[in-house]
Every structure is written in structure tokens, then in C-alpha cells.
Amino acid sequence: MKTIRPPLVAFAAALGCALMASPAQADGEVTCNSGPKDKWKPMAELRKKVWAEGWQLEKALVQGDCYEVYARNEAGQVLEAFFHPVTLKKLIVYRRGQEIFRAKGFDPAG
């Protein structure tokens, strides 16, 4: 019977812990069908919208044809949200990889 070497066991255990500790990621394949970028509202308006939601903005960027926001809500929970760049409508929000909000009729796959 063959035994597993201790360094290999330690490595496997560390890798397993690291994978379990990583937060689940939301589906980054959200499609907004936003049209040409010259029709998009400025990122500054998005920042104001996020502030109006009561969120503390961590990061805002363009992801595909959507605005993507990383923020913290009033409870300090990390959120990932997608907004339509033309209307700034909040389309979908994830917390720890779990969908917690979706605008009525919105299909993230487009």
C-alpha cells in the first residue's frame, strides 16, 4: 500500500482551503444591449446614482456593454451590480456571488 507524502497532503489541504475561502463570483457575462458609447451617460452620473442607493463605491468600470460597480451597502456587504449605461437603470445585483436583485424583465444574457 502506497502512502501519500506529507508535503503533498499539506499542499492539497492549503489549496482546498484557498478555493473554499474565495468568494463566489457573479456571472461576468451580463449583456445590457446599450448601443453606441456616444449615447452612454458619464461615469460621474453613475457614481452619483450609486451614492443615492446608499452604497459606498469601491470601483466602477465598463464590462462589455454595461457599467459594472463594486460597492458596499449600508450593512458593509460587498455588492457587484450592473447598470445600463444609457439609462443608468440598476439591472442586476450580486452579493457573494448570489443574485439578490434583478430588474423586472431583465435577462442578463441579453
Protein backbone atom coordinates (compact mmCIF):
# COMPACT_ATOMS: atom_id res chain seq x y z
CA MET A 1 0.00 0.00 0.00
CA LYS A 2 1.40 3.37 -1.03
CA THR A 3 1.31 6.30 1.40
CA ILE A 4 0.85 9.94 0.47
CA ARG A 5 3.81 12.13 1.28
CA PRO A 6 3.12 14.80 3.96
CA PRO A 7 4.16 17.79 1.79
CA LEU A 8 1.66 16.73 -0.86
CA VAL A 9 -1.08 16.41 1.75
CA ALA A 10 -0.27 19.87 3.14
CA PHE A 11 -0.32 21.38 -0.36
CA ALA A 12 -3.66 19.75 -1.19
CA ALA A 13 -5.15 20.95 2.11
CA ALA A 14 -3.89 24.51 1.56
CA LEU A 15 -5.23 24.56 -1.99
CA GLY A 16 -8.61 23.31 -0.82
CA CYS A 17 -8.81 25.98 1.88
CA ALA A 18 -7.83 28.70 -0.58
CA LEU A 19 -10.52 27.64 -3.03
CA MET A 20 -13.18 27.50 -0.34
CA ALA A 21 -12.17 30.91 1.02
CA SER A 22 -12.53 32.62 -2.38
CA PRO A 23 -15.85 34.43 -2.72
CA ALA A 24 -18.13 33.17 -5.43
CA GLN A 25 -18.04 35.36 -8.50
CA ALA A 26 -21.12 36.66 -10.22
CA ASP A 27 -21.65 35.87 -13.84
CA GLY A 28 -19.48 38.38 -15.67
CA GLU A 29 -21.34 37.66 -18.92
CA VAL A 30 -24.07 40.25 -18.38
CA THR A 31 -25.34 41.93 -21.56
CA CYS A 32 -27.05 45.33 -21.42
CA ASN A 33 -27.77 45.92 -25.13
CA SER A 34 -26.72 49.52 -24.60
CA GLY A 35 -25.92 50.63 -28.11
CA PRO A 36 -23.18 53.07 -29.15
CA LYS A 37 -20.96 54.51 -26.44
CA ASP A 38 -21.60 58.09 -27.53
CA LYS A 39 -25.12 57.69 -26.07
CA TRP A 40 -23.85 56.50 -22.65
CA LYS A 41 -24.16 58.73 -19.61
CA PRO A 42 -20.91 59.81 -17.95
CA MET A 43 -19.40 57.63 -15.24
CA ALA A 44 -19.77 60.60 -12.85
CA GLU A 45 -23.56 60.26 -13.08
CA LEU A 46 -23.25 56.56 -12.27
CA ARG A 47 -21.21 57.42 -9.17
CA LYS A 48 -24.00 59.77 -8.03
CA LYS A 49 -26.59 57.05 -8.65
CA VAL A 50 -24.61 54.56 -6.56
CA TRP A 51 -24.33 57.14 -3.77
CA ALA A 52 -28.11 57.70 -3.98
CA GLU A 53 -28.55 53.93 -3.45
CA GLY A 54 -26.77 54.41 -0.13
CA TRP A 55 -23.75 52.46 -1.29
CA GLN A 56 -20.07 53.22 -0.79
CA LEU A 57 -18.42 52.91 -4.20
CA GLU A 58 -15.31 50.75 -4.33
CA LYS A 59 -14.84 50.52 -8.11
CA ALA A 60 -16.78 51.41 -11.28
CA LEU A 61 -15.84 50.19 -14.73
CA VAL A 62 -17.12 49.22 -18.16
CA GLN A 63 -17.75 45.50 -18.51
CA GLY A 64 -18.75 44.59 -22.04
CA ASP A 65 -21.66 46.90 -22.84
CA CYS A 66 -22.62 47.54 -19.19
CA TYR A 67 -21.45 49.64 -16.30
CA GLU A 68 -20.24 47.36 -13.51
CA VAL A 69 -19.95 48.57 -9.93
CA TYR A 70 -18.32 47.11 -6.86
CA ALA A 71 -19.66 48.76 -3.72
CA ARG A 72 -20.62 48.23 -0.08
CA ASN A 73 -24.17 48.62 1.13
CA GLU A 74 -25.23 50.22 4.41
CA ALA A 75 -24.51 46.92 6.23
CA GLY A 76 -20.96 46.84 4.81
CA GLN A 77 -21.69 43.91 2.50
CA VAL A 78 -19.79 43.82 -0.79
CA LEU A 79 -22.02 44.09 -3.85
CA GLU A 80 -21.42 43.66 -7.55
CA ALA A 81 -24.01 45.45 -9.66
CA PHE A 82 -24.63 46.10 -13.34
CA PHE A 83 -26.25 49.29 -14.63
CA HIS A 84 -27.47 50.19 -18.11
CA PRO A 85 -25.05 52.86 -19.40
CA VAL A 86 -27.71 54.89 -21.23
CA THR A 87 -30.47 54.92 -18.61
CA LEU A 88 -28.35 54.11 -15.51
CA LYS A 89 -31.10 51.67 -14.54
CA LYS A 90 -29.94 49.11 -11.96
CA LEU A 91 -30.25 45.79 -13.77
CA ILE A 92 -28.82 43.08 -11.53
CA VAL A 93 -27.04 42.91 -8.17
CA TYR A 94 -24.98 40.11 -6.65
CA ARG A 95 -23.78 39.65 -3.08
CA ARG A 96 -21.11 36.98 -2.55
CA GLY A 97 -21.94 35.52 -5.96
CA GLN A 98 -25.65 35.18 -5.21
CA GLU A 99 -28.16 37.20 -7.18
CA ILE A 100 -30.10 39.43 -4.78
CA PHE A 101 -31.83 41.77 -7.23
CA ARG A 102 -32.90 41.67 -10.86
CA ALA A 103 -34.87 44.38 -12.64
CA LYS A 104 -38.24 43.17 -13.86
CA GLY A 105 -37.94 41.66 -17.32
CA PHE A 106 -34.12 41.86 -17.42
CA ASP A 107 -32.30 38.90 -18.95
CA PRO A 108 -28.56 39.04 -18.12
CA ALA A 109 -27.73 37.00 -21.22
CA GLY A 110 -29.30 39.64 -23.42
